[in-house]
Amino acid sequence: MEICLKFMFILSGFAVGEVIMAWNRSLLVILALIVMASVVSGDEPPIKPKVKTVKGKRLCDRGWECTWSTYCCNLTITDYFETYQFENLFAKRNSPVAHAVGFWDFHSFILAAAQFEPLGFGTTGDKKMQMREIAAFLGHVGSRTSCGDGVVTGGPLAWGLCFNREMSPSQDYCNDYFKLTYPCAPGAQYYGRGAIPIFWNYNYGKIGDALKLDLLNHPEYVEQNATIAFQTAMWMWMNPVKKSQPSPHDVFVGNWKPTKNDTLSKRVPGFGATMNILYGDSICGQGDIDSMNNIISHYQYYLDLMGLSRDESGVHDSLTCAEQAAFNPTYVAPATSS
């Protein structure tokens, strides 16, 4: 058989060595195409982490994105959330009518997330829970930065990340009550900025301290740098308003157990409670109002685009905060008699 093959090759004008080299090149091309296909489809295996045990606790290191944390032993965000998905979720952010053209990008999102992934942001639970959390977080981001109300093309849910700042602030948001801890910088304005807009000098000061950034004296950093704009939003997601309360992350991933008072106040774990923490009674406890439903719609829209069913968003009682009493009710001064 081998003699016959060699004879056929000679007859066709090829040396056996040339044919073998051509065959090897063909194999390399085929292998390269297979690798490229796996990268495009997102089927490539996640990077194998470094592992060590500290005080009986397993810690993992996946490099720059997630370092030495038990959460890093799970998938990281780039293992299940890719650039094309970010582009699909925020398809209109660089449209000519958007107000923050060229500002928001996937790279800035991932750089910001790397600070919080070791703490459980997008790395808590199984893959489905991780994807749900990213969709939930971005649901808030999309609804808070959308200009979809004034446009039609692509539908109102396609216009997240249209803004990076409050366009027509009515005040400078300087509260002198905090003049000893977070005094307002001369000429600074603390209007809404970021992926989940932050307001007031005390919030810029507190979040700036946590991120080791001087946001109190330079609140403009949040609208000048997309990584910082995502970081401030992620900090709000991962931290409670008060120490005795849960964070949006905690109530979403199941780290929070409601107290008896929470149960009486109809506060339950889920997406609805994240709205309660972030917006209080400006959104919650008012029934099925449009402003609340708009946030929910963004969350479910993003679930769809990430390949999850909107059924994953939860049952009605956990999805909404329509009947929930606020964790931190707006203070209303008592009326005085004349």
Protein backbone atom coordinates (compact mmCIF):
# COMPACT_ATOMS: atom_id res chain seq x y z
CA MET A 1 0.00 0.00 0.00
CA GLU A 2 2.81 2.39 0.92
CA ILE A 3 4.58 1.67 -2.42
CA CYS A 4 1.41 2.40 -4.34
CA LEU A 5 0.97 5.73 -2.53
CA LYS A 6 4.55 6.77 -3.23
CA PHE A 7 4.12 5.78 -6.87
CA MET A 8 0.95 7.91 -7.11
CA PHE A 9 2.70 10.91 -5.57
CA ILE A 10 5.62 10.62 -7.98
CA LEU A 11 3.26 10.37 -10.91
CA SER A 12 1.49 13.53 -9.82
CA GLY A 13 4.77 15.43 -9.80
CA PHE A 14 5.21 15.72 -6.03
CA ALA A 15 8.02 14.44 -3.85
CA VAL A 16 6.84 12.50 -0.82
CA GLY A 17 8.44 15.06 1.53
CA GLU A 18 6.60 17.91 -0.14
CA VAL A 19 3.30 16.11 0.21
CA ILE A 20 3.91 15.46 3.91
CA MET A 21 4.81 19.14 4.47
CA ALA A 22 1.66 20.20 2.65
CA TRP A 23 -0.40 17.81 4.79
CA ASN A 24 1.14 19.18 7.99
CA ARG A 25 0.40 22.73 6.91
CA SER A 26 -3.20 21.74 6.25
CA LEU A 27 -3.47 20.22 9.73
CA LEU A 28 -2.12 23.42 11.28
CA VAL A 29 -4.66 25.51 9.38
CA ILE A 30 -7.49 23.21 10.50
CA LEU A 31 -6.33 23.36 14.15
CA ALA A 32 -6.07 27.16 13.97
CA LEU A 33 -9.60 27.38 12.61
CA ILE A 34 -10.88 25.16 15.43
CA VAL A 35 -9.18 27.36 18.06
CA MET A 36 -10.54 30.53 16.45
CA ALA A 37 -14.04 29.06 16.38
CA SER A 38 -13.87 28.18 20.06
CA VAL A 39 -12.75 31.70 20.96
CA VAL A 40 -15.55 33.29 18.93
CA SER A 41 -18.16 30.99 20.45
CA GLY A 42 -16.88 31.53 24.00
CA ASP A 43 -16.29 27.79 24.50
CA GLU A 44 -12.64 28.11 25.50
CA PRO A 45 -12.00 26.77 29.01
CA PRO A 46 -11.45 29.30 31.82
CA ILE A 47 -7.91 29.93 32.99
CA LYS A 48 -6.86 27.38 35.60
CA PRO A 49 -6.31 29.32 38.84
CA LYS A 50 -3.43 29.10 41.26
CA VAL A 51 -4.69 27.62 44.53
CA LYS A 52 -3.55 27.77 48.15
CA THR A 53 -5.13 27.03 51.51
CA VAL A 54 -5.00 29.59 54.31
CA LYS A 55 -6.42 28.64 57.71
CA GLY A 56 -8.41 25.85 56.10
CA LYS A 57 -9.88 28.19 53.48
CA ARG A 58 -9.28 27.58 49.77
CA LEU A 59 -8.10 30.70 47.96
CA CYS A 60 -7.54 31.12 44.23
CA ASP A 61 -5.68 33.56 42.00
CA ARG A 62 -6.70 34.10 38.36
CA GLY A 63 -4.24 36.89 37.66
CA TRP A 64 -5.15 40.54 37.23
CA GLU A 65 -8.91 39.98 37.20
CA CYS A 66 -9.34 38.15 40.51
CA THR A 67 -6.59 37.64 43.08
CA TRP A 68 -6.38 35.38 46.15
CA SER A 69 -9.97 35.03 47.20
CA THR A 70 -12.35 32.11 47.65
CA TYR A 71 -14.58 33.80 45.06
CA CYS A 72 -11.76 33.62 42.52
CA CYS A 73 -12.12 29.83 42.61
CA ASN A 74 -15.41 30.32 40.71
CA LEU A 75 -15.72 31.64 37.16
CA THR A 76 -14.69 35.25 36.70
CA ILE A 77 -16.77 37.74 34.76
CA THR A 78 -14.78 37.44 31.53
CA ASP A 79 -15.39 33.67 31.61
CA TYR A 80 -19.10 34.18 30.93
CA PHE A 81 -19.57 37.82 29.90
CA GLU A 82 -17.85 39.00 26.74
CA THR A 83 -17.36 42.18 24.75
CA TYR A 84 -20.08 41.37 22.22
CA GLN A 85 -22.62 40.92 25.03
CA PHE A 86 -21.72 44.32 26.49
CA GLU A 87 -22.14 45.80 23.02
CA ASN A 88 -25.57 44.17 22.65
CA LEU A 89 -26.76 45.41 26.05
CA PHE A 90 -25.72 49.00 25.33
CA ALA A 91 -26.16 49.08 21.57
CA LYS A 92 -27.04 52.78 21.31
CA ARG A 93 -24.56 54.28 23.77
CA ASN A 94 -22.40 55.78 20.99
CA SER A 95 -25.28 56.96 18.85
CA PRO A 96 -24.90 60.62 17.74
CA VAL A 97 -27.79 61.63 20.01
CA ALA A 98 -26.21 60.05 23.11
CA HIS A 99 -24.69 62.47 25.62
CA ALA A 100 -21.63 60.39 26.55
CA VAL A 101 -20.44 59.23 23.11
CA GLY A 102 -17.13 57.35 23.35
CA PHE A 103 -17.07 57.35 27.17
CA TRP A 104 -18.36 53.92 28.24
CA ASP A 105 -16.61 50.71 27.15
CA PHE A 106 -16.25 47.04 28.12
CA HIS A 107 -12.57 47.44 29.02
CA SER A 108 -13.39 50.06 31.68
CA PHE A 109 -16.15 47.85 33.06
CA ILE A 110 -13.83 44.86 33.47
CA LEU A 111 -11.03 46.96 34.99
CA ALA A 112 -13.47 48.33 37.55
CA ALA A 113 -14.94 44.88 38.25
CA ALA A 114 -11.48 43.43 38.97
CA GLN A 115 -11.45 45.42 42.23
CA PHE A 116 -14.70 43.84 43.40
CA GLU A 117 -14.62 40.30 41.96
CA PRO A 118 -12.45 39.05 44.89
CA LEU A 119 -15.27 40.33 47.15
CA GLY A 120 -17.94 38.35 45.28
CA PHE A 121 -19.12 40.78 42.61
CA GLY A 122 -20.19 38.57 39.72
CA THR A 123 -18.24 35.68 41.25
CA THR A 124 -20.75 34.44 43.85
CA GLY A 125 -22.55 31.14 43.35
CA ASP A 126 -22.85 29.09 40.18
CA LYS A 127 -22.63 30.43 36.63
CA LYS A 128 -26.35 31.19 36.42
CA MET A 129 -26.29 33.23 39.65
CA GLN A 130 -23.19 35.06 38.48
CA MET A 131 -24.84 35.99 35.18
CA ARG A 132 -28.02 37.04 36.96
CA GLU A 133 -26.08 39.36 39.26
CA ILE A 134 -24.32 41.08 36.36
CA ALA A 135 -27.67 41.49 34.57
CA ALA A 136 -29.21 42.89 37.77
CA PHE A 137 -26.38 45.36 38.37
CA LEU A 138 -26.43 46.48 34.74
CA GLY A 139 -30.21 46.72 34.90
CA HIS A 140 -29.76 49.53 37.40
CA VAL A 141 -26.95 51.05 35.35
CA GLY A 142 -28.95 50.97 32.12
CA SER A 143 -32.10 52.46 33.61
CA ARG A 144 -30.23 55.20 35.48
CA THR A 145 -28.19 56.32 32.46
CA SER A 146 -30.78 55.85 29.70
CA CYS A 147 -32.06 58.48 27.31
CA GLY A 148 -34.58 56.00 25.92
CA ASP A 149 -37.62 58.06 26.88
CA GLY A 150 -36.95 60.54 24.12
CA VAL A 151 -36.02 58.17 21.32
CA VAL A 152 -37.67 55.36 19.40
CA THR A 153 -34.96 53.63 17.35
CA GLY A 154 -34.10 50.28 18.88
CA GLY A 155 -36.67 50.69 21.65
CA PRO A 156 -36.26 52.50 24.98
CA LEU A 157 -34.33 49.64 26.62
CA ALA A 158 -31.47 49.86 24.12
CA TRP A 159 -30.33 53.29 25.31
CA GLY A 160 -28.46 52.53 28.55
CA LEU A 161 -25.16 54.34 29.16
CA CYS A 162 -26.40 57.34 27.19
CA PHE A 163 -25.39 59.68 30.04
CA ASN A 164 -22.47 59.84 32.45
CA ARG A 165 -23.72 62.86 34.40
CA GLU A 166 -26.81 64.81 35.37
CA MET A 167 -27.39 67.22 32.50
CA SER A 168 -29.27 70.05 34.22
CA PRO A 169 -28.54 69.95 37.96
CA SER A 170 -30.88 72.07 40.03
CA GLN A 171 -28.32 72.58 42.82
CA ASP A 172 -24.71 71.88 43.79
CA TYR A 173 -25.73 69.16 46.31
CA CYS A 174 -23.54 70.52 49.10
CA ASN A 175 -24.87 69.59 52.56
CA ASP A 176 -23.22 71.66 55.29
CA TYR A 177 -24.34 69.17 57.93
CA PHE A 178 -21.23 67.18 56.94
CA LYS A 179 -18.87 70.17 56.89
CA LEU A 180 -16.61 68.59 59.52
CA THR A 181 -16.29 65.16 57.89
CA TYR A 182 -16.83 65.90 54.20
CA PRO A 183 -16.59 69.66 53.68
CA CYS A 184 -17.54 70.89 50.23
CA ALA A 185 -14.57 71.96 48.13
CA PRO A 186 -14.68 75.56 46.85
CA GLY A 187 -16.46 75.65 43.51
CA ALA A 188 -17.15 71.90 43.49
CA GLN A 189 -20.55 70.58 42.48
CA TYR A 190 -21.78 67.21 43.67
CA TYR A 191 -24.52 66.53 41.14
CA GLY A 192 -25.22 63.04 39.83
CA ARG A 193 -22.36 61.30 38.07
CA GLY A 194 -21.44 57.71 37.26
CA ALA A 195 -22.97 54.43 36.12
CA ILE A 196 -25.37 54.55 39.08
CA PRO A 197 -25.27 58.29 39.73
CA ILE A 198 -23.99 59.46 43.11
CA PHE A 199 -25.10 62.75 44.64
CA TRP A 200 -24.05 64.96 47.58
CA ASN A 201 -20.67 65.78 49.07
CA TYR A 202 -20.87 63.10 51.79
CA ASN A 203 -21.35 60.33 49.21
CA TYR A 204 -18.47 61.57 47.07
CA GLY A 205 -16.32 61.78 50.21
CA LYS A 206 -17.27 58.37 51.59
CA ILE A 207 -16.94 56.52 48.28
CA GLY A 208 -13.74 58.38 47.44
CA ASP A 209 -12.20 57.30 50.74
CA ALA A 210 -13.13 53.68 50.01
CA LEU A 211 -11.66 53.80 46.50
CA LYS A 212 -8.63 55.84 47.61
CA LEU A 213 -9.59 58.65 45.26
CA ASP A 214 -10.03 62.31 46.18
CA LEU A 215 -13.57 62.58 44.89
CA LEU A 216 -14.52 65.15 47.51
CA ASN A 217 -12.17 67.74 46.02
CA HIS A 218 -12.44 66.36 42.51
CA PRO A 219 -15.96 65.03 41.89
CA GLU A 220 -15.36 65.63 38.18
CA TYR A 221 -13.16 62.50 38.08
CA VAL A 222 -16.34 60.40 37.94
CA GLU A 223 -17.44 61.95 34.64
CA GLN A 224 -13.93 62.03 33.19
CA ASN A 225 -12.93 58.40 33.68
CA ALA A 226 -15.22 55.47 32.81
CA THR A 227 -13.40 53.02 35.09
CA ILE A 228 -14.00 55.32 38.06
CA ALA A 229 -17.61 55.82 36.96
CA PHE A 230 -18.14 52.04 37.06
CA GLN A 231 -16.17 51.67 40.32
CA THR A 232 -18.40 54.11 42.20
CA ALA A 233 -21.48 52.19 41.05
CA MET A 234 -19.96 48.84 42.01
CA TRP A 235 -19.04 50.19 45.43
CA MET A 236 -22.68 51.19 45.95
CA TRP A 237 -23.77 47.69 44.87
CA MET A 238 -21.36 45.94 47.23
CA ASN A 239 -21.85 48.11 50.33
CA PRO A 240 -24.83 48.90 52.58
CA VAL A 241 -26.11 52.39 53.22
CA LYS A 242 -25.79 51.67 56.96
CA LYS A 243 -23.67 49.06 58.73
CA SER A 244 -26.69 47.31 60.21
CA GLN A 245 -28.24 46.81 56.77
CA PRO A 246 -27.47 44.54 53.80
CA SER A 247 -25.93 45.64 50.52
CA PRO A 248 -27.70 45.25 47.16
CA HIS A 249 -25.25 42.41 46.45
CA ASP A 250 -26.21 40.65 49.71
CA VAL A 251 -29.96 40.79 49.12
CA PHE A 252 -29.56 39.59 45.55
CA VAL A 253 -27.21 36.61 45.91
CA GLY A 254 -28.84 35.26 49.09
CA ASN A 255 -26.38 36.41 51.75
CA TRP A 256 -29.12 38.30 53.62
CA LYS A 257 -31.65 36.74 55.97
CA PRO A 258 -34.64 39.04 56.69
CA THR A 259 -35.43 39.84 60.30
CA LYS A 260 -38.93 39.72 61.72
CA ASN A 261 -39.20 43.46 61.13
CA ASP A 262 -38.13 42.99 57.50
CA THR A 263 -40.82 40.36 57.03
CA LEU A 264 -43.45 42.64 58.52
CA SER A 265 -42.22 45.37 56.17
CA LYS A 266 -42.58 42.94 53.23
CA ARG A 267 -38.86 43.12 52.46
CA VAL A 268 -37.65 39.87 50.90
CA PRO A 269 -34.41 38.85 49.12
CA GLY A 270 -34.29 39.51 45.40
CA PHE A 271 -34.08 42.26 42.82
CA GLY A 272 -36.84 44.28 44.48
CA ALA A 273 -34.75 44.71 47.62
CA THR A 274 -31.83 46.06 45.56
CA MET A 275 -34.12 48.89 44.41
CA ASN A 276 -35.20 49.44 48.01
CA ILE A 277 -31.61 49.91 49.18
CA LEU A 278 -30.55 52.12 46.29
CA TYR A 279 -33.65 54.31 45.92
CA GLY A 280 -35.81 53.84 49.00
CA ASP A 281 -39.29 55.29 49.00
CA SER A 282 -38.68 57.31 45.84
CA ILE A 283 -39.32 54.00 44.02
CA CYS A 284 -40.58 51.48 46.57
CA GLY A 285 -43.79 51.12 48.56
CA GLN A 286 -45.83 52.98 45.95
CA GLY A 287 -47.33 50.09 44.03
CA ASP A 288 -46.42 49.20 40.46
CA ILE A 289 -45.30 52.64 39.36
CA ASP A 290 -43.62 53.29 36.00
CA SER A 291 -40.25 54.34 37.42
CA MET A 292 -39.93 51.03 39.28
CA ASN A 293 -41.16 48.95 36.36
CA ASN A 294 -38.65 50.67 34.08
CA ILE A 295 -35.75 49.36 36.18
CA ILE A 296 -37.24 45.86 36.21
CA SER A 297 -37.71 45.97 32.43
CA HIS A 298 -34.04 46.79 31.92
CA TYR A 299 -33.02 43.88 34.16
CA GLN A 300 -35.22 41.41 32.26
CA TYR A 301 -34.13 42.79 28.89
CA TYR A 302 -30.48 42.22 29.83
CA LEU A 303 -31.25 38.70 31.05
CA ASP A 304 -32.64 37.94 27.60
CA LEU A 305 -29.61 39.36 25.81
CA MET A 306 -27.24 37.40 28.05
CA GLY A 307 -28.96 34.17 27.09
CA LEU A 308 -31.02 33.66 30.26
CA SER A 309 -34.79 33.54 30.41
CA ARG A 310 -36.52 36.48 32.05
CA ASP A 311 -38.16 33.82 34.23
CA GLU A 312 -34.80 33.89 36.04
CA SER A 313 -35.63 37.37 37.32
CA GLY A 314 -37.75 35.91 40.14
CA VAL A 315 -41.34 35.78 41.29
CA HIS A 316 -43.30 39.02 41.55
CA ASP A 317 -42.83 39.53 45.30
CA SER A 318 -39.04 39.28 45.06
CA LEU A 319 -38.74 41.07 41.71
CA THR A 320 -40.54 44.25 42.73
CA CYS A 321 -40.52 46.50 45.78
CA ALA A 322 -44.05 47.77 45.16
CA GLU A 323 -45.24 46.83 48.65
CA GLN A 324 -41.94 47.06 50.54
CA ALA A 325 -41.37 49.61 53.26
CA ALA A 326 -38.12 51.50 52.68
CA PHE A 327 -35.00 50.45 54.57
CA ASN A 328 -34.24 54.15 55.00
CA PRO A 329 -37.43 56.23 54.78
CA THR A 330 -37.14 59.81 53.62
CA TYR A 331 -37.14 62.09 56.64
CA VAL A 332 -40.14 64.35 56.82
CA ALA A 333 -40.03 67.11 59.42
CA PRO A 334 -43.06 67.10 61.72
CA ALA A 335 -45.59 69.81 61.06
CA THR A 336 -45.57 72.72 63.53
CA SER A 337 -48.68 74.33 64.86
CA SER A 338 -49.17 77.98 64.15
